[in-house]
Amino acid sequence: PVDSIARVWAIGFWIVYLGFGWIYLSQAMAP
């Protein structure tokens, strides 16, 4: 079921995942 809790968790997951992913990408591209 896609209830309000699932939506909150999905939003929270993507915020943290993409936020840290952006930081990680800059590190991986460095020499």
Full PDB file with SEQRES, HELIX, SHEET, SSBOND, CRYST1, ORIGX, SCALE, CONECT and MASTER records, all heavy atoms in Angstrom:
SEQRES   1 A   31  PRO VAL ASP SER ILE ALA ARG VAL TRP ALA ILE GLY PHE          
SEQRES   2 A   31  TRP ILE VAL TYR LEU GLY PHE GLY TRP ILE TYR LEU SER          
SEQRES   3 A   31  GLN ALA MET ALA PRO                                          
HELIX    1 AA1 SER A    4  ALA A   28  1                                  25    
CRYST1    1.000    1.000    1.000  90.00  90.00  90.00 P 1           1          
ORIGX1      1.000000  0.000000  0.000000        0.00000                         
ORIGX2      0.000000  1.000000  0.000000        0.00000                         
ORIGX3      0.000000  0.000000  1.000000        0.00000                         
SCALE1      1.000000  0.000000  0.000000        0.00000                         
SCALE2      0.000000  1.000000  0.000000        0.00000                         
SCALE3      0.000000  0.000000  1.000000        0.00000                         
ATOM      1  N   PRO A   1       0.822  -1.211   0.000  1.00  0.00           N  
ATOM      2  CA  PRO A   1       0.000   0.000   0.000  1.00  0.00           C  
ATOM      3  C   PRO A   1       0.854   1.258   0.000  1.00  0.00           C  
ATOM      4  O   PRO A   1       1.906   1.312   0.627  1.00  0.00           O  
ATOM      5  CB  PRO A   1      -0.785  -0.125   1.316  1.00  0.00           C  
ATOM      6  CG  PRO A   1       0.064  -0.996   2.185  1.00  0.00           C  
ATOM      7  CD  PRO A   1       0.740  -1.958   1.255  1.00  0.00           C  
ATOM      8  N   VAL A   2       0.410   2.256  -0.747  1.00  0.00           N  
ATOM      9  CA  VAL A   2       1.117   3.530  -0.799  1.00  0.00           C  
ATOM     10  C   VAL A   2       0.366   4.498   0.097  1.00  0.00           C  
ATOM     11  O   VAL A   2      -0.520   5.227  -0.333  1.00  0.00           O  
ATOM     12  CB  VAL A   2       1.203   4.064  -2.243  1.00  0.00           C  
ATOM     13  CG1 VAL A   2       2.001   5.357  -2.296  1.00  0.00           C  
ATOM     14  CG2 VAL A   2       1.817   3.022  -3.153  1.00  0.00           C  
ATOM     15  N   ASP A   3       0.675   4.474   1.399  1.00  0.00           N  
ATOM     16  CA  ASP A   3      -0.009   5.353   2.336  1.00  0.00           C  
ATOM     17  C   ASP A   3       0.862   6.575   2.607  1.00  0.00           C  
ATOM     18  O   ASP A   3       1.935   6.738   2.043  1.00  0.00           O  
ATOM     19  CB  ASP A   3      -0.347   4.619   3.639  1.00  0.00           C  
ATOM     20  CG  ASP A   3       0.879   3.953   4.264  1.00  0.00           C  
ATOM     21  OD1 ASP A   3       2.005   4.415   3.996  1.00  0.00           O  
ATOM     22  OD2 ASP A   3       0.712   2.981   5.017  1.00  0.00           O  
ATOM     23  N   SER A   4       0.424   7.426   3.501  1.00  0.00           N  
ATOM     24  CA  SER A   4       1.138   8.669   3.753  1.00  0.00           C  
ATOM     25  C   SER A   4       2.529   8.414   4.345  1.00  0.00           C  
ATOM     26  O   SER A   4       3.474   9.122   4.037  1.00  0.00           O  
ATOM     27  CB  SER A   4       0.329   9.566   4.701  1.00  0.00           C  
ATOM     28  OG  SER A   4       0.087   8.875   5.932  1.00  0.00           O  
ATOM     29  N   ILE A   5       2.646   7.363   5.163  1.00  0.00           N  
ATOM     30  CA  ILE A   5       3.950   7.051   5.751  1.00  0.00           C  
ATOM     31  C   ILE A   5       4.919   6.615   4.658  1.00  0.00           C  
ATOM     32  O   ILE A   5       6.069   7.046   4.630  1.00  0.00           O  
ATOM     33  CB  ILE A   5       3.817   5.954   6.828  1.00  0.00           C  
ATOM     34  CG1 ILE A   5       2.940   6.451   7.975  1.00  0.00           C  
ATOM     35  CG2 ILE A   5       5.185   5.538   7.337  1.00  0.00           C  
ATOM     36  CD1 ILE A   5       2.682   5.419   9.042  1.00  0.00           C  
ATOM     37  N   ALA A   6       4.444   5.802   3.708  1.00  0.00           N  
ATOM     38  CA  ALA A   6       5.301   5.351   2.617  1.00  0.00           C  
ATOM     39  C   ALA A   6       5.773   6.539   1.793  1.00  0.00           C  
ATOM     40  O   ALA A   6       6.927   6.592   1.368  1.00  0.00           O  
ATOM     41  CB  ALA A   6       4.563   4.353   1.739  1.00  0.00           C  
ATOM     42  N   ARG A   7       4.893   7.513   1.544  1.00  0.00           N  
ATOM     43  CA  ARG A   7       5.280   8.683   0.763  1.00  0.00           C  
ATOM     44  C   ARG A   7       6.341   9.499   1.512  1.00  0.00           C  
ATOM     45  O   ARG A   7       7.301   9.977   0.913  1.00  0.00           O  
ATOM     46  CB  ARG A   7       4.057   9.557   0.473  1.00  0.00           C  
ATOM     47  CG  ARG A   7       3.086   8.937  -0.514  1.00  0.00           C  
ATOM     48  CD  ARG A   7       1.928   9.874  -0.789  1.00  0.00           C  
ATOM     49  NE  ARG A   7       0.914   9.223  -1.594  1.00  0.00           N  
ATOM     50  CZ  ARG A   7       0.951   9.120  -2.921  1.00  0.00           C  
ATOM     51  NH1 ARG A   7       1.979   9.636  -3.575  1.00  0.00           N  
ATOM     52  NH2 ARG A   7      -0.014   8.517  -3.571  1.00  0.00           N  
ATOM     53  N   VAL A   8       6.146   9.650   2.814  1.00  0.00           N  
ATOM     54  CA  VAL A   8       7.123  10.395   3.614  1.00  0.00           C  
ATOM     55  C   VAL A   8       8.484   9.718   3.554  1.00  0.00           C  
ATOM     56  O   VAL A   8       9.520  10.366   3.391  1.00  0.00           O  
ATOM     57  CB  VAL A   8       6.633  10.529   5.072  1.00  0.00           C  
ATOM     58  CG1 VAL A   8       7.759  11.015   5.976  1.00  0.00           C  
ATOM     59  CG2 VAL A   8       5.445  11.468   5.150  1.00  0.00           C  
ATOM     60  N   TRP A   9       8.481   8.395   3.682  1.00  0.00           N  
ATOM     61  CA  TRP A   9       9.748   7.670   3.634  1.00  0.00           C  
ATOM     62  C   TRP A   9      10.385   7.763   2.255  1.00  0.00           C  
ATOM     63  O   TRP A   9      11.604   7.884   2.135  1.00  0.00           O  
ATOM     64  CB  TRP A   9       9.528   6.207   4.017  1.00  0.00           C  
ATOM     65  CG  TRP A   9       9.606   6.004   5.487  1.00  0.00           C  
ATOM     66  CD1 TRP A   9       8.576   5.927   6.373  1.00  0.00           C  
ATOM     67  CD2 TRP A   9      10.800   5.891   6.274  1.00  0.00           C  
ATOM     68  NE1 TRP A   9       9.045   5.766   7.651  1.00  0.00           N  
ATOM     69  CE2 TRP A   9      10.408   5.736   7.616  1.00  0.00           C  
ATOM     70  CE3 TRP A   9      12.153   5.896   5.967  1.00  0.00           C  
ATOM     71  CZ2 TRP A   9      11.320   5.598   8.651  1.00  0.00           C  
ATOM     72  CZ3 TRP A   9      13.072   5.747   6.987  1.00  0.00           C  
ATOM     73  CH2 TRP A   9      12.650   5.601   8.316  1.00  0.00           C  
ATOM     74  N   ALA A  10       9.563   7.711   1.210  1.00  0.00           N  
ATOM     75  CA  ALA A  10      10.110   7.824  -0.144  1.00  0.00           C  
ATOM     76  C   ALA A  10      10.756   9.193  -0.350  1.00  0.00           C  
ATOM     77  O   ALA A  10      11.870   9.298  -0.882  1.00  0.00           O  
ATOM     78  CB  ALA A  10       9.009   7.601  -1.173  1.00  0.00           C  
ATOM     79  N   ILE A  11      10.072  10.242   0.091  1.00  0.00           N  
ATOM     80  CA  ILE A  11      10.626  11.588  -0.053  1.00  0.00           C  
ATOM     81  C   ILE A  11      11.908  11.725   0.756  1.00  0.00           C  
ATOM     82  O   ILE A  11      12.925  12.236   0.271  1.00  0.00           O  
ATOM     83  CB  ILE A  11       9.584  12.639   0.391  1.00  0.00           C  
ATOM     84  CG1 ILE A  11       8.405  12.645  -0.592  1.00  0.00           C  
ATOM     85  CG2 ILE A  11      10.223  14.024   0.470  1.00  0.00           C  
ATOM     86  CD1 ILE A  11       7.218  13.475  -0.116  1.00  0.00           C  
ATOM     87  N   GLY A  12      11.865  11.257   2.000  1.00  0.00           N  
ATOM     88  CA  GLY A  12      13.056  11.335   2.847  1.00  0.00           C  
ATOM     89  C   GLY A  12      14.224  10.566   2.264  1.00  0.00           C  
ATOM     90  O   GLY A  12      15.368  11.024   2.296  1.00  0.00           O  
ATOM     91  N   PHE A  13      13.931   9.371   1.723  1.00  0.00           N  
ATOM     92  CA  PHE A  13      14.996   8.560   1.129  1.00  0.00           C  
ATOM     93  C   PHE A  13      15.674   9.319  -0.009  1.00  0.00           C  
ATOM     94  O   PHE A  13      16.911   9.404  -0.058  1.00  0.00           O  
ATOM     95  CB  PHE A  13      14.434   7.239   0.605  1.00  0.00           C  
ATOM     96  CG  PHE A  13      15.433   6.420  -0.161  1.00  0.00           C  
ATOM     97  CD1 PHE A  13      16.306   5.572   0.491  1.00  0.00           C  
ATOM     98  CD2 PHE A  13      15.519   6.520  -1.550  1.00  0.00           C  
ATOM     99  CE1 PHE A  13      17.247   4.828  -0.210  1.00  0.00           C  
ATOM    100  CE2 PHE A  13      16.462   5.787  -2.262  1.00  0.00           C  
ATOM    101  CZ  PHE A  13      17.318   4.941  -1.588  1.00  0.00           C  
ATOM    102  N   TRP A  14      14.893   9.872  -0.919  1.00  0.00           N  
ATOM    103  CA  TRP A  14      15.477  10.530  -2.083  1.00  0.00           C  
ATOM    104  C   TRP A  14      16.224  11.804  -1.711  1.00  0.00           C  
ATOM    105  O   TRP A  14      17.233  12.144  -2.332  1.00  0.00           O  
ATOM    106  CB  TRP A  14      14.398  10.811  -3.128  1.00  0.00           C  
ATOM    107  CG  TRP A  14      13.978   9.561  -3.841  1.00  0.00           C  
ATOM    108  CD1 TRP A  14      12.784   8.905  -3.731  1.00  0.00           C  
ATOM    109  CD2 TRP A  14      14.768   8.791  -4.747  1.00  0.00           C  
ATOM    110  NE1 TRP A  14      12.770   7.773  -4.504  1.00  0.00           N  
ATOM    111  CE2 TRP A  14      13.979   7.679  -5.142  1.00  0.00           C  
ATOM    112  CE3 TRP A  14      16.058   8.916  -5.258  1.00  0.00           C  
ATOM    113  CZ2 TRP A  14      14.457   6.722  -6.034  1.00  0.00           C  
ATOM    114  CZ3 TRP A  14      16.517   7.955  -6.144  1.00  0.00           C  
ATOM    115  CH2 TRP A  14      15.723   6.873  -6.529  1.00  0.00           C  
ATOM    116  N   ILE A  15      15.753  12.506  -0.693  1.00  0.00           N  
ATOM    117  CA  ILE A  15      16.463  13.712  -0.257  1.00  0.00           C  
ATOM    118  C   ILE A  15      17.866  13.354   0.237  1.00  0.00           C  
ATOM    119  O   ILE A  15      18.869  13.959  -0.163  1.00  0.00           O  
ATOM    120  CB  ILE A  15      15.674  14.457   0.841  1.00  0.00           C  
ATOM    121  CG1 ILE A  15      14.424  15.113   0.236  1.00  0.00           C  
ATOM    122  CG2 ILE A  15      16.546  15.510   1.524  1.00  0.00           C  
ATOM    123  CD1 ILE A  15      13.498  15.730   1.268  1.00  0.00           C  
ATOM    124  N   VAL A  16      17.947  12.355   1.112  1.00  0.00           N  
ATOM    125  CA  VAL A  16      19.246  11.961   1.666  1.00  0.00           C  
ATOM    126  C   VAL A  16      20.108  11.306   0.589  1.00  0.00           C  
ATOM    127  O   VAL A  16      21.308  11.612   0.455  1.00  0.00           O  
ATOM    128  CB  VAL A  16      19.064  11.010   2.868  1.00  0.00           C  
ATOM    129  CG1 VAL A  16      20.416  10.521   3.390  1.00  0.00           C  
ATOM    130  CG2 VAL A  16      18.287  11.699   3.976  1.00  0.00           C  
ATOM    131  N   TYR A  17      19.516  10.427  -0.192  1.00  0.00           N  
ATOM    132  CA  TYR A  17      20.262   9.698  -1.224  1.00  0.00           C  
ATOM    133  C   TYR A  17      20.855  10.656  -2.254  1.00  0.00           C  
ATOM    134  O   TYR A  17      22.044  10.583  -2.577  1.00  0.00           O  
ATOM    135  CB  TYR A  17      19.325   8.699  -1.897  1.00  0.00           C  
ATOM    136  CG  TYR A  17      19.925   7.922  -3.042  1.00  0.00           C  
ATOM    137  CD1 TYR A  17      20.762   6.835  -2.816  1.00  0.00           C  
ATOM    138  CD2 TYR A  17      19.631   8.263  -4.373  1.00  0.00           C  
ATOM    139  CE1 TYR A  17      21.301   6.114  -3.871  1.00  0.00           C  
ATOM    140  CE2 TYR A  17      20.162   7.549  -5.433  1.00  0.00           C  
ATOM    141  CZ  TYR A  17      20.995   6.478  -5.179  1.00  0.00           C  
ATOM    142  OH  TYR A  17      21.534   5.767  -6.233  1.00  0.00           O  
ATOM    143  N   LEU A  18      20.053  11.573  -2.755  1.00  0.00           N  
ATOM    144  CA  LEU A  18      20.546  12.498  -3.775  1.00  0.00           C  
ATOM    145  C   LEU A  18      21.478  13.557  -3.179  1.00  0.00           C  
ATOM    146  O   LEU A  18      22.439  13.981  -3.831  1.00  0.00           O  
ATOM    147  CB  LEU A  18      19.364  13.168  -4.489  1.00  0.00           C  
ATOM    148  CG  LEU A  18      18.494  12.224  -5.322  1.00  0.00           C  
ATOM    149  CD1 LEU A  18      17.307  12.978  -5.920  1.00  0.00           C  
ATOM    150  CD2 LEU A  18      19.305  11.561  -6.435  1.00  0.00           C  
ATOM    151  N   GLY A  19      21.202  13.974  -1.936  1.00  0.00           N  
ATOM    152  CA  GLY A  19      22.069  14.957  -1.293  1.00  0.00           C  
ATOM    153  C   GLY A  19      23.470  14.428  -1.086  1.00  0.00           C  
ATOM    154  O   GLY A  19      24.468  15.063  -1.485  1.00  0.00           O  
ATOM    155  N   PHE A  20      23.569  13.244  -0.470  1.00  0.00           N  
ATOM    156  CA  PHE A  20      24.890  12.648  -0.276  1.00  0.00           C  
ATOM    157  C   PHE A  20      25.488  12.204  -1.614  1.00  0.00           C  
ATOM    158  O   PHE A  20      26.702  12.251  -1.807  1.00  0.00           O  
ATOM    159  CB  PHE A  20      24.810  11.474   0.693  1.00  0.00           C  
ATOM    160  CG  PHE A  20      24.922  11.875   2.139  1.00  0.00           C  
ATOM    161  CD1 PHE A  20      23.812  12.354   2.821  1.00  0.00           C  
ATOM    162  CD2 PHE A  20      26.129  11.790   2.813  1.00  0.00           C  
ATOM    163  CE1 PHE A  20      23.904  12.735   4.159  1.00  0.00           C  
ATOM    164  CE2 PHE A  20      26.238  12.172   4.142  1.00  0.00           C  
ATOM    165  CZ  PHE A  20      25.122  12.653   4.812  1.00  0.00           C  
ATOM    166  N   GLY A  21      24.625  11.761  -2.529  1.00  0.00           N  
ATOM    167  CA  GLY A  21      25.115  11.354  -3.843  1.00  0.00           C  
ATOM    168  C   GLY A  21      25.798  12.493  -4.579  1.00  0.00           C  
ATOM    169  O   GLY A  21      26.806  12.294  -5.265  1.00  0.00           O  
ATOM    170  N   TRP A  22      25.278  13.702  -4.427  1.00  0.00           N  
ATOM    171  CA  TRP A  22      25.887  14.880  -5.048  1.00  0.00           C  
ATOM    172  C   TRP A  22      27.277  15.137  -4.460  1.00  0.00           C  
ATOM    173  O   TRP A  22      28.228  15.431  -5.194  1.00  0.00           O  
ATOM    174  CB  TRP A  22      24.976  16.080  -4.836  1.00  0.00           C  
ATOM    175  CG  TRP A  22      25.449  17.360  -5.460  1.00  0.00           C  
ATOM    176  CD1 TRP A  22      25.958  18.450  -4.823  1.00  0.00           C  
ATOM    177  CD2 TRP A  22      25.457  17.682  -6.856  1.00  0.00           C  
ATOM    178  NE1 TRP A  22      26.284  19.438  -5.728  1.00  0.00           N  
ATOM    179  CE2 TRP A  22      25.986  18.992  -6.992  1.00  0.00           C  
ATOM    180  CE3 TRP A  22      25.075  16.993  -8.009  1.00  0.00           C  
ATOM    181  CZ2 TRP A  22      26.136  19.616  -8.222  1.00  0.00           C  
ATOM    182  CZ3 TRP A  22      25.218  17.624  -9.234  1.00  0.00           C  
ATOM    183  CH2 TRP A  22      25.742  18.908  -9.333  1.00  0.00           C  
ATOM    184  N   ILE A  23      27.383  15.013  -3.146  1.00  0.00           N  
ATOM    185  CA  ILE A  23      28.696  15.175  -2.497  1.00  0.00           C  
ATOM    186  C   ILE A  23      29.655  14.080  -2.972  1.00  0.00           C  
ATOM    187  O   ILE A  23      30.813  14.347  -3.319  1.00  0.00           O  
ATOM    188  CB  ILE A  23      28.549  15.126  -0.963  1.00  0.00           C  
ATOM    189  CG1 ILE A  23      27.688  16.290  -0.460  1.00  0.00           C  
ATOM    190  CG2 ILE A  23      29.919  15.143  -0.281  1.00  0.00           C  
ATOM    191  CD1 ILE A  23      27.314  16.189   1.010  1.00  0.00           C  
ATOM    192  N   TYR A  24      29.164  12.850  -2.998  1.00  0.00           N  
ATOM    193  CA  TYR A  24      30.007  11.733  -3.403  1.00  0.00           C  
ATOM    194  C   TYR A  24      30.479  11.872  -4.855  1.00  0.00           C  
ATOM    195  O   TYR A  24      31.617  11.525  -5.183  1.00  0.00           O  
ATOM    196  CB  TYR A  24      29.256  10.415  -3.237  1.00  0.00           C  
ATOM    197  CG  TYR A  24      28.955  10.019  -1.807  1.00  0.00           C  
ATOM    198  CD1 TYR A  24      27.969   9.070  -1.522  1.00  0.00           C  
ATOM    199  CD2 TYR A  24      29.645  10.570  -0.735  1.00  0.00           C  
ATOM    200  CE1 TYR A  24      27.696   8.686  -0.218  1.00  0.00           C  
ATOM    201  CE2 TYR A  24      29.375  10.202   0.568  1.00  0.00           C  
ATOM    202  CZ  TYR A  24      28.396   9.257   0.823  1.00  0.00           C  
ATOM    203  OH  TYR A  24      28.122   8.886   2.115  1.00  0.00           O  
ATOM    204  N   LEU A  25      29.601  12.367  -5.725  1.00  0.00           N  
ATOM    205  CA  LEU A  25      29.968  12.512  -7.133  1.00  0.00           C  
ATOM    206  C   LEU A  25      31.156  13.453  -7.289  1.00  0.00           C  
ATOM    207  O   LEU A  25      32.085  13.177  -8.057  1.00  0.00           O  
ATOM    208  CB  LEU A  25      28.778  13.038  -7.935  1.00  0.00           C  
ATOM    209  CG  LEU A  25      29.027  13.324  -9.424  1.00  0.00           C  
ATOM    210  CD1 LEU A  25      29.444  12.055 -10.153  1.00  0.00           C  
ATOM    211  CD2 LEU A  25      27.782  13.931 -10.071  1.00  0.00           C  
ATOM    212  N   SER A  26      31.158  14.545  -6.538  1.00  0.00           N  
ATOM    213  CA  SER A  26      32.264  15.495  -6.638  1.00  0.00           C  
ATOM    214  C   SER A  26      33.572  14.862  -6.189  1.00  0.00           C  
ATOM    215  O   SER A  26      34.649  15.164  -6.726  1.00  0.00           O  
ATOM    216  CB  SER A  26      31.971  16.743  -5.799  1.00  0.00           C  
ATOM    217  OG  SER A  26      32.030  16.450  -4.404  1.00  0.00           O  
ATOM    218  N   GLN A  27      33.497  13.967  -5.206  1.00  0.00           N  
ATOM    219  CA  GLN A  27      34.701  13.295  -4.724  1.00  0.00           C  
ATOM    220  C   GLN A  27      35.204  12.270  -5.729  1.00  0.00           C  
ATOM    221  O   GLN A  27      36.400  12.150  -5.976  1.00  0.00           O  
ATOM    222  CB  GLN A  27      34.413  12.608  -3.390  1.00  0.00           C  
ATOM    223  CG  GLN A  27      33.991  13.555  -2.290  1.00  0.00           C  
ATOM    224  CD  GLN A  27      35.102  14.497  -1.885  1.00  0.00           C  
ATOM    225  OE1 GLN A  27      36.211  14.068  -1.580  1.00  0.00           O  
ATOM    226  NE2 GLN A  27      34.820  15.782  -1.887  1.00  0.00           N  
ATOM    227  N   ALA A  28      34.275  11.515  -6.332  1.00  0.00           N  
ATOM    228  CA  ALA A  28      34.669  10.473  -7.273  1.00  0.00           C  
ATOM    229  C   ALA A  28      35.297  11.054  -8.534  1.00  0.00           C  
ATOM    230  O   ALA A  28      36.155  10.425  -9.156  1.00  0.00           O  
ATOM    231  CB  ALA A  28      33.449   9.620  -7.635  1.00  0.00           C  
ATOM    232  N   MET A  29      34.878  12.263  -8.917  1.00  0.00           N  
ATOM    233  CA  MET A  29      35.404  12.889 -10.130  1.00  0.00           C  
ATOM    234  C   MET A  29      36.754  13.557  -9.913  1.00  0.00           C  
ATOM    235  O   MET A  29      37.412  13.952 -10.877  1.00  0.00           O  
ATOM    236  CB  MET A  29      34.395  13.921 -10.653  1.00  0.00           C  
ATOM    237  CG  MET A  29      33.141  13.305 -11.252  1.00  0.00           C  
ATOM    238  SD  MET A  29      31.924  14.560 -11.720  1.00  0.00           S  
ATOM    239  CE  MET A  29      32.836  15.467 -12.967  1.00  0.00           C  
ATOM    240  N   ALA A  30      37.167  13.704  -8.661  1.00  0.00           N  
ATOM    241  CA  ALA A  30      38.457  14.340  -8.375  1.00  0.00           C  
ATOM    242  C   ALA A  30      39.612  13.429  -8.792  1.00  0.00           C  
ATOM    243  O   ALA A  30      39.438  12.217  -8.937  1.00  0.00           O  
ATOM    244  CB  ALA A  30      38.555  14.668  -6.882  1.00  0.00           C  
ATOM    245  N   PRO A  31      40.822  13.968  -8.986  1.00  0.00           N  
ATOM    246  CA  PRO A  31      41.975  13.125  -9.312  1.00  0.00           C  
ATOM    247  C   PRO A  31      42.193  12.046  -8.253  1.00  0.00           C  
ATOM    248  O   PRO A  31      41.955  12.265  -7.065  1.00  0.00           O  
ATOM    249  CB  PRO A  31      43.138  14.129  -9.339  1.00  0.00           C  
ATOM    250  CG  PRO A  31      42.499  15.439  -9.671  1.00  0.00           C  
ATOM    251  CD  PRO A  31      41.162  15.406  -8.996  1.00  0.00           C  
TER     252      PRO A  31                                                      
MASTER        0    0    0    1    0    0    0    6  251    1    0    3          
END                                                                             
